[in-house]
């Protein structure tokens, strides 16, 4: 075997080149990240080596290396550079003037993304928040998501002054999702019903479009919120959302549990939800020990008339709340369905 010699080509003056790389130390459950900045003459401007105590995979450590490289460039005052890794090369410039054609194209894109809000809210800090219908969110303009059909089967608490927490356990399944995505979630939000203008949600998801496989994956999603929120699994903290990156969720007015199925735009068949069985199936997906905390930080379970069950399309998905089951499982409900031709 002949070793491959990898050459380094200098950037054109006055640009810099930043090379980043990462290494995985599996036995130590840690990774290493290296950053090297050189000028057009090949002279070393700055070097950084950093150990990160986290069990990241190969792709994750490469992404982290890019992140560390960009932060290092900012800290060293390097603004016009090419960033290179094992399988990437990006150019970042401090300033660039748009051509007339590019400016016109940008104006067209801006018109496309300016969605008419159903409601506008001014925060105490003076920010204007436009509430966009959930089915018209900008994310759904992406080619992989445009015109997707969203179906919910959830238990949602009544809107109150505010809540301070939500929890529950859910069985994990791997329904056969050929197109679209399906997930089970717990969430807190501010907004009108399911038209969230602010949201933190977590659970498991099956999405071939996102993960390129048919396996369930843990996920957490948030919109801009201003309160510290923690996500934990069986007592272990796995996510932290500080108030600096999230505004207007210091006192969430609503929360819930349940399933969501997102169908592809041109498909006539929606994906399954939960295990793929309706709530009366022997292997139906189940939430147990569902609880929430009110504004007094008291832990409670959903009781009538303080919650509602939302099923967008009972022909394809349903939900049955069983209430209190036993000391081990607490308050439970089952949900799901096979999907299929769910068009109304």
Protein backbone atom coordinates (compact mmCIF):
# COMPACT_ATOMS: atom_id res chain seq x y z
CA UNK A 1 0.00 0.00 0.00
CA UNK A 2 1.38 3.40 -0.98
CA UNK A 3 0.63 6.17 1.50
CA UNK A 4 -1.29 9.11 0.08
CA UNK A 5 0.47 12.45 0.38
CA UNK A 6 -1.91 15.26 1.10
CA UNK A 7 -0.61 18.68 0.08
CA UNK A 8 -1.43 22.05 1.58
CA UNK A 9 -2.11 24.95 -0.77
CA UNK A 10 -1.77 28.50 0.55
CA UNK A 11 -4.62 31.01 0.23
CA UNK A 12 -4.29 34.08 -1.94
CA UNK A 13 -3.10 37.19 -0.17
CA UNK A 14 -4.41 38.73 2.12
CA UNK A 15 -6.66 35.79 2.97
CA UNK A 16 -5.85 33.24 5.69
CA UNK A 17 -6.41 29.50 5.76
CA UNK A 18 -7.76 27.71 8.82
CA UNK A 19 -7.35 23.95 9.05
CA UNK A 20 -9.42 22.06 11.60
CA UNK A 21 -9.47 18.42 12.62
CA UNK A 22 -10.83 16.21 15.38
CA UNK A 23 -9.93 12.90 16.99
CA UNK A 24 -12.13 10.48 18.92
CA UNK A 25 -10.80 8.78 22.08
CA UNK A 26 -13.50 6.18 22.65
CA UNK A 27 -12.00 4.57 25.76
CA UNK A 28 -11.70 7.97 27.46
CA UNK A 29 -15.15 9.12 26.27
CA UNK A 30 -13.58 12.33 25.02
CA UNK A 31 -12.46 13.99 21.80
CA UNK A 32 -9.66 16.29 20.73
CA UNK A 33 -9.94 19.29 18.42
CA UNK A 34 -7.08 21.06 16.67
CA UNK A 35 -7.05 24.40 14.81
CA UNK A 36 -4.18 25.85 12.74
CA UNK A 37 -4.27 29.33 11.16
CA UNK A 38 -1.71 30.25 8.46
CA UNK A 39 -1.29 33.20 6.11
CA UNK A 40 -0.65 33.26 2.36
CA UNK A 41 3.09 32.69 2.95
CA UNK A 42 2.43 29.59 5.03
CA UNK A 43 3.45 31.28 8.24
CA UNK A 44 1.67 30.01 11.35
CA UNK A 45 -0.48 32.77 12.87
CA UNK A 46 -2.14 30.86 15.69
CA UNK A 47 -2.58 27.30 16.94
CA UNK A 48 -5.20 25.78 19.23
CA UNK A 49 -5.52 22.31 20.74
CA UNK A 50 -8.53 21.50 22.87
CA UNK A 51 -9.84 18.46 24.73
CA UNK A 52 -13.61 18.04 25.02
CA UNK A 53 -14.99 15.60 27.58
CA UNK A 54 -17.92 14.27 25.57
CA UNK A 55 -18.49 10.89 23.82
CA UNK A 56 -18.98 12.34 20.33
CA UNK A 57 -18.96 10.38 17.09
CA UNK A 58 -16.71 11.04 14.09
CA UNK A 59 -19.16 13.35 12.29
CA UNK A 60 -20.04 15.18 15.49
CA UNK A 61 -16.41 15.87 16.36
CA UNK A 62 -15.75 17.21 12.87
CA UNK A 63 -18.70 19.57 13.27
CA UNK A 64 -17.40 20.60 16.69
CA UNK A 65 -13.96 21.23 15.17
CA UNK A 66 -15.52 23.62 12.66
CA UNK A 67 -17.35 25.41 15.48
CA UNK A 68 -14.15 25.74 17.54
CA UNK A 69 -12.26 26.94 14.46
CA UNK A 70 -14.77 29.70 13.76
CA UNK A 71 -14.70 30.81 17.39
CA UNK A 72 -10.88 30.83 17.34
CA UNK A 73 -10.88 32.92 14.15
CA UNK A 74 -13.17 35.44 15.81
CA UNK A 75 -11.02 35.60 18.94
CA UNK A 76 -7.81 36.11 16.93
CA UNK A 77 -9.35 38.80 14.71
CA UNK A 78 -9.19 36.79 11.48
CA UNK A 79 -12.16 37.71 9.28
CA UNK A 80 -11.26 36.78 5.69
CA UNK A 81 -10.31 33.11 5.49
CA UNK A 82 -10.79 29.67 3.98
CA UNK A 83 -11.70 26.94 6.44
CA UNK A 84 -10.66 23.40 5.61
CA UNK A 85 -11.33 20.06 7.27
CA UNK A 86 -11.12 16.44 6.22
CA UNK A 87 -14.06 16.76 3.85
CA UNK A 88 -14.94 20.43 3.62
CA UNK A 89 -13.70 23.76 2.39
CA UNK A 90 -15.48 27.05 3.06
CA UNK A 91 -14.60 30.63 2.31
CA UNK A 92 -15.60 33.30 4.81
CA UNK A 93 -15.08 36.96 3.97
CA UNK A 94 -15.45 39.93 6.24
CA UNK A 95 -17.13 42.06 3.57
CA UNK A 96 -18.63 41.53 0.14
CA UNK A 97 -20.71 43.76 -2.14
CA UNK A 98 -23.71 42.17 -3.82
CA UNK A 99 -24.14 42.55 -7.56
CA UNK A 100 -27.38 44.05 -8.86
CA UNK A 101 -28.54 40.58 -9.96
CA UNK A 102 -27.77 39.05 -6.56
CA UNK A 103 -29.54 41.92 -4.82
CA UNK A 104 -32.65 41.37 -6.96
CA UNK A 105 -32.65 37.64 -6.20
CA UNK A 106 -32.27 38.41 -2.49
CA UNK A 107 -35.26 40.76 -2.64
CA UNK A 108 -37.36 38.00 -4.23
CA UNK A 109 -36.37 35.56 -1.47
CA UNK A 110 -37.22 38.10 1.21
CA UNK A 111 -40.70 38.50 -0.25
CA UNK A 112 -41.15 34.73 -0.22
CA UNK A 113 -40.19 34.35 3.43
CA UNK A 114 -42.26 37.27 4.75
CA UNK A 115 -45.32 35.29 5.84
CA UNK A 116 -48.44 37.20 6.96
CA UNK A 117 -48.78 36.70 10.74
CA UNK A 118 -52.04 35.66 12.39
CA UNK A 119 -51.01 37.79 15.36
CA UNK A 120 -48.15 40.14 16.32
CA UNK A 121 -46.94 40.55 19.88
CA UNK A 122 -44.57 43.12 21.36
CA UNK A 123 -42.41 41.76 24.19
CA UNK A 124 -41.38 43.71 27.27
CA UNK A 125 -38.00 44.24 25.57
CA UNK A 126 -39.57 45.90 22.54
CA UNK A 127 -39.17 42.95 20.15
CA UNK A 128 -42.01 42.30 17.70
CA UNK A 129 -42.91 38.60 17.45
CA UNK A 130 -45.02 37.58 14.45
CA UNK A 131 -47.10 34.44 15.05
CA UNK A 132 -47.24 32.36 11.85
CA UNK A 133 -49.75 29.59 11.29
CA UNK A 134 -47.96 26.30 12.05
CA UNK A 135 -48.79 24.96 8.58
CA UNK A 136 -47.23 28.08 6.98
CA UNK A 137 -43.97 28.10 8.94
CA UNK A 138 -40.92 29.08 6.88
CA UNK A 139 -39.32 25.68 7.53
CA UNK A 140 -42.00 24.05 5.40
CA UNK A 141 -40.77 26.01 2.36
CA UNK A 142 -37.74 23.70 2.32
CA UNK A 143 -38.01 21.26 -0.62
CA UNK A 144 -38.06 18.31 1.79
CA UNK A 145 -40.86 19.80 3.90
CA UNK A 146 -42.91 22.07 1.63
CA UNK A 147 -46.68 21.38 1.75
CA UNK A 148 -46.25 18.65 4.34
CA UNK A 149 -49.44 17.53 6.07
CA UNK A 150 -49.27 17.66 9.87
CA UNK A 151 -51.51 15.41 11.98
CA UNK A 152 -51.67 15.63 15.80
CA UNK A 153 -52.98 13.25 18.46
CA UNK A 154 -52.21 14.96 21.76
CA UNK A 155 -53.47 15.74 25.26
CA UNK A 156 -53.14 19.44 25.85
CA UNK A 157 -53.66 21.27 29.13
CA UNK A 158 -55.83 24.36 29.29
CA UNK A 159 -54.06 27.68 28.98
CA UNK A 160 -53.27 29.04 32.42
CA UNK A 161 -51.30 31.91 33.85
CA UNK A 162 -48.22 29.72 33.47
CA UNK A 163 -46.70 26.28 34.06
CA UNK A 164 -43.25 25.36 35.44
CA UNK A 165 -42.67 21.83 34.13
CA UNK A 166 -43.91 18.76 32.29
CA UNK A 167 -42.84 15.11 32.33
CA UNK A 168 -43.82 11.63 31.19
CA UNK A 169 -42.52 8.26 30.03
CA UNK A 170 -43.25 6.89 26.58
CA UNK A 171 -42.66 3.52 24.93
CA UNK A 172 -40.33 3.70 21.94
CA UNK A 173 -41.22 2.03 18.65
CA UNK A 174 -39.78 2.00 15.14
CA UNK A 175 -42.85 2.24 12.88
CA UNK A 176 -42.22 1.68 9.19
CA UNK A 177 -41.94 5.25 7.91
CA UNK A 178 -41.24 5.35 4.18
CA UNK A 179 -41.87 9.06 3.73
CA UNK A 180 -42.30 11.99 6.08
CA UNK A 181 -41.70 11.70 9.81
CA UNK A 182 -43.44 10.65 12.99
CA UNK A 183 -42.67 11.40 16.61
CA UNK A 184 -43.84 11.21 20.21
CA UNK A 185 -43.31 14.32 22.27
CA UNK A 186 -43.80 16.33 25.44
CA UNK A 187 -43.85 20.11 25.00
CA UNK A 188 -44.34 23.51 26.56
CA UNK A 189 -45.42 26.51 24.52
CA UNK A 190 -46.76 30.03 24.37
CA UNK A 191 -49.33 30.76 21.68
CA UNK A 192 -52.84 30.02 20.54
CA UNK A 193 -53.59 26.29 20.63
CA UNK A 194 -51.16 24.45 18.31
CA UNK A 195 -50.19 27.60 16.40
CA UNK A 196 -47.06 27.96 18.51
CA UNK A 197 -45.11 31.15 18.50
CA UNK A 198 -42.75 29.75 21.11
CA UNK A 199 -42.04 26.10 21.87
CA UNK A 200 -39.71 23.57 23.46
CA UNK A 201 -40.45 19.94 22.62
CA UNK A 202 -38.59 16.66 23.13
CA UNK A 203 -39.19 12.95 22.58
CA UNK A 204 -38.38 10.32 19.96
CA UNK A 205 -38.63 10.64 16.18
CA UNK A 206 -38.45 8.40 13.12
CA UNK A 207 -37.54 10.36 9.99
CA UNK A 208 -35.76 8.86 6.96
CA UNK A 209 -35.54 12.38 5.49
CA UNK A 210 -33.54 13.71 8.44
CA UNK A 211 -31.64 10.69 9.81
CA UNK A 212 -31.44 8.58 6.63
CA UNK A 213 -32.62 5.47 8.44
CA UNK A 214 -35.78 3.96 9.91
CA UNK A 215 -34.67 3.93 13.54
CA UNK A 216 -36.10 6.03 16.38
CA UNK A 217 -33.91 8.95 17.51
CA UNK A 218 -34.08 11.15 20.59
CA UNK A 219 -34.68 14.79 19.61
CA UNK A 220 -35.18 18.18 21.18
CA UNK A 221 -36.38 21.30 19.37
CA UNK A 222 -36.85 24.85 20.58
CA UNK A 223 -37.85 28.18 19.15
CA UNK A 224 -36.48 31.46 20.47
CA UNK A 225 -37.62 31.70 24.10
CA UNK A 226 -36.13 34.03 28.15
CA UNK A 227 -36.00 31.40 30.83
CA UNK A 228 -33.68 28.54 31.74
CA UNK A 229 -35.14 25.13 30.80
CA UNK A 230 -33.63 21.69 31.41
CA UNK A 231 -34.37 18.42 29.59
CA UNK A 232 -33.65 15.21 31.49
CA UNK A 233 -34.09 11.47 30.87
CA UNK A 234 -34.48 9.22 33.91
CA UNK A 235 -32.89 11.85 36.11
CA UNK A 236 -29.92 12.55 33.81
CA UNK A 237 -29.78 16.07 32.35
CA UNK A 238 -29.29 15.86 28.58
CA UNK A 239 -30.28 19.36 27.46
CA UNK A 240 -30.12 22.90 28.78
CA UNK A 241 -31.77 25.91 27.17
CA UNK A 242 -30.60 29.14 28.87
CA UNK A 243 -32.65 32.31 28.83
CA UNK A 244 -29.99 34.01 26.70
CA UNK A 245 -31.01 31.96 23.64
CA UNK A 246 -34.73 31.63 24.29
CA UNK A 247 -37.19 34.46 24.99
CA UNK A 248 -40.82 34.59 26.09
CA UNK A 249 -40.95 31.13 27.68
CA UNK A 250 -40.32 32.25 31.25
CA UNK A 251 -44.00 31.58 31.91
CA UNK A 252 -45.33 29.09 29.33
CA UNK A 253 -49.10 29.12 29.17
CA UNK A 254 -49.58 25.63 27.75
CA UNK A 255 -48.12 22.13 27.60
CA UNK A 256 -48.98 18.67 26.39
CA UNK A 257 -48.06 15.11 25.43
CA UNK A 258 -48.75 13.01 22.35
CA UNK A 259 -47.88 12.12 18.78
CA UNK A 260 -47.34 13.97 15.51
CA UNK A 261 -47.18 12.58 11.98
CA UNK A 262 -45.88 14.68 9.09
CA UNK A 263 -46.73 13.52 5.59
CA UNK A 264 -44.80 14.36 2.44
CA UNK A 265 -46.27 17.04 0.16
CA UNK A 266 -47.27 15.00 -2.87
CA UNK A 267 -47.90 11.72 -1.11
CA UNK A 268 -51.36 10.30 -0.67
CA UNK A 269 -50.33 8.22 2.33
CA UNK A 270 -49.47 9.66 5.76
CA UNK A 271 -46.87 7.88 7.94
CA UNK A 272 -47.86 5.76 10.94
CA UNK A 273 -47.88 7.28 14.42
CA UNK A 274 -46.70 5.65 17.64
CA UNK A 275 -46.42 1.89 17.13
CA UNK A 276 -48.61 2.08 14.04
CA UNK A 277 -51.63 0.74 15.95
CA UNK A 278 -54.70 2.60 17.19
CA UNK A 279 -55.06 3.19 20.92
CA UNK A 280 -57.05 -0.04 21.39
CA UNK A 281 -54.29 -2.16 19.84
CA UNK A 282 -52.42 -4.68 21.99
CA UNK A 283 -49.11 -2.97 21.18
CA UNK A 284 -50.29 0.64 21.11
CA UNK A 285 -47.75 3.31 22.05
CA UNK A 286 -48.28 4.47 25.62
CA UNK A 287 -47.40 7.52 27.70
CA UNK A 288 -47.24 6.84 31.43
CA UNK A 289 -46.56 8.87 34.58
CA UNK A 290 -47.64 12.05 32.82
CA UNK A 291 -47.45 15.02 35.18
CA UNK A 292 -47.07 18.77 35.09
CA UNK A 293 -46.19 21.50 37.56
CA UNK A 294 -48.40 24.55 37.99
CA UNK A 295 -47.37 28.10 38.85
CA UNK A 296 -47.10 27.13 42.53
CA UNK A 297 -44.66 24.37 41.45
CA UNK A 298 -47.16 21.71 42.59
CA UNK A 299 -46.99 18.41 40.67
CA UNK A 300 -50.37 17.39 39.23
CA UNK A 301 -51.87 15.06 36.59
CA UNK A 302 -54.39 15.96 33.85
CA UNK A 303 -57.95 16.05 35.22
CA UNK A 304 -61.20 17.14 33.62
CA UNK A 305 -62.14 19.82 32.74
CA UNK A 306 -58.58 21.16 32.57
CA UNK A 307 -57.35 19.37 29.45
CA UNK A 308 -58.54 18.56 25.94
CA UNK A 309 -57.76 15.76 23.51
CA UNK A 310 -56.81 16.89 20.00
CA UNK A 311 -56.99 14.37 17.16
CA UNK A 312 -56.76 16.04 13.76
CA UNK A 313 -57.82 12.97 11.80
CA UNK A 314 -59.52 10.17 13.79
CA UNK A 315 -59.67 8.07 10.63
CA UNK A 316 -55.90 7.61 10.77
CA UNK A 317 -54.91 8.30 14.39
CA UNK A 318 -56.58 8.38 17.79
CA UNK A 319 -55.84 8.84 21.49
CA UNK A 320 -57.45 7.32 24.58
CA UNK A 321 -56.79 8.75 28.04
CA UNK A 322 -56.95 6.03 30.68
CA UNK A 323 -56.43 8.28 33.68
CA UNK A 324 -54.83 6.72 36.75
CA UNK A 325 -53.62 3.16 36.12
CA UNK A 326 -51.59 2.04 39.15
CA UNK A 327 -48.73 3.26 41.38
CA UNK A 328 -46.08 2.12 38.89
CA UNK A 329 -47.44 3.78 35.76
CA UNK A 330 -49.52 6.61 37.25
CA UNK A 331 -51.70 8.49 34.77
CA UNK A 332 -51.49 7.02 31.26
CA UNK A 333 -52.84 7.27 27.73
CA UNK A 334 -52.39 5.37 24.48
CA UNK A 335 -52.22 6.90 21.01
CA UNK A 336 -51.26 6.23 17.41
CA UNK A 337 -52.55 4.81 14.18
CA UNK A 338 -51.51 3.29 10.86
CA UNK A 339 -51.67 6.49 8.81
CA UNK A 340 -52.47 5.87 5.18
CA UNK A 341 -54.77 7.97 2.95
CA UNK A 342 -55.64 10.61 5.56
CA UNK A 343 -56.74 13.42 3.25
CA UNK A 344 -59.94 15.02 4.45
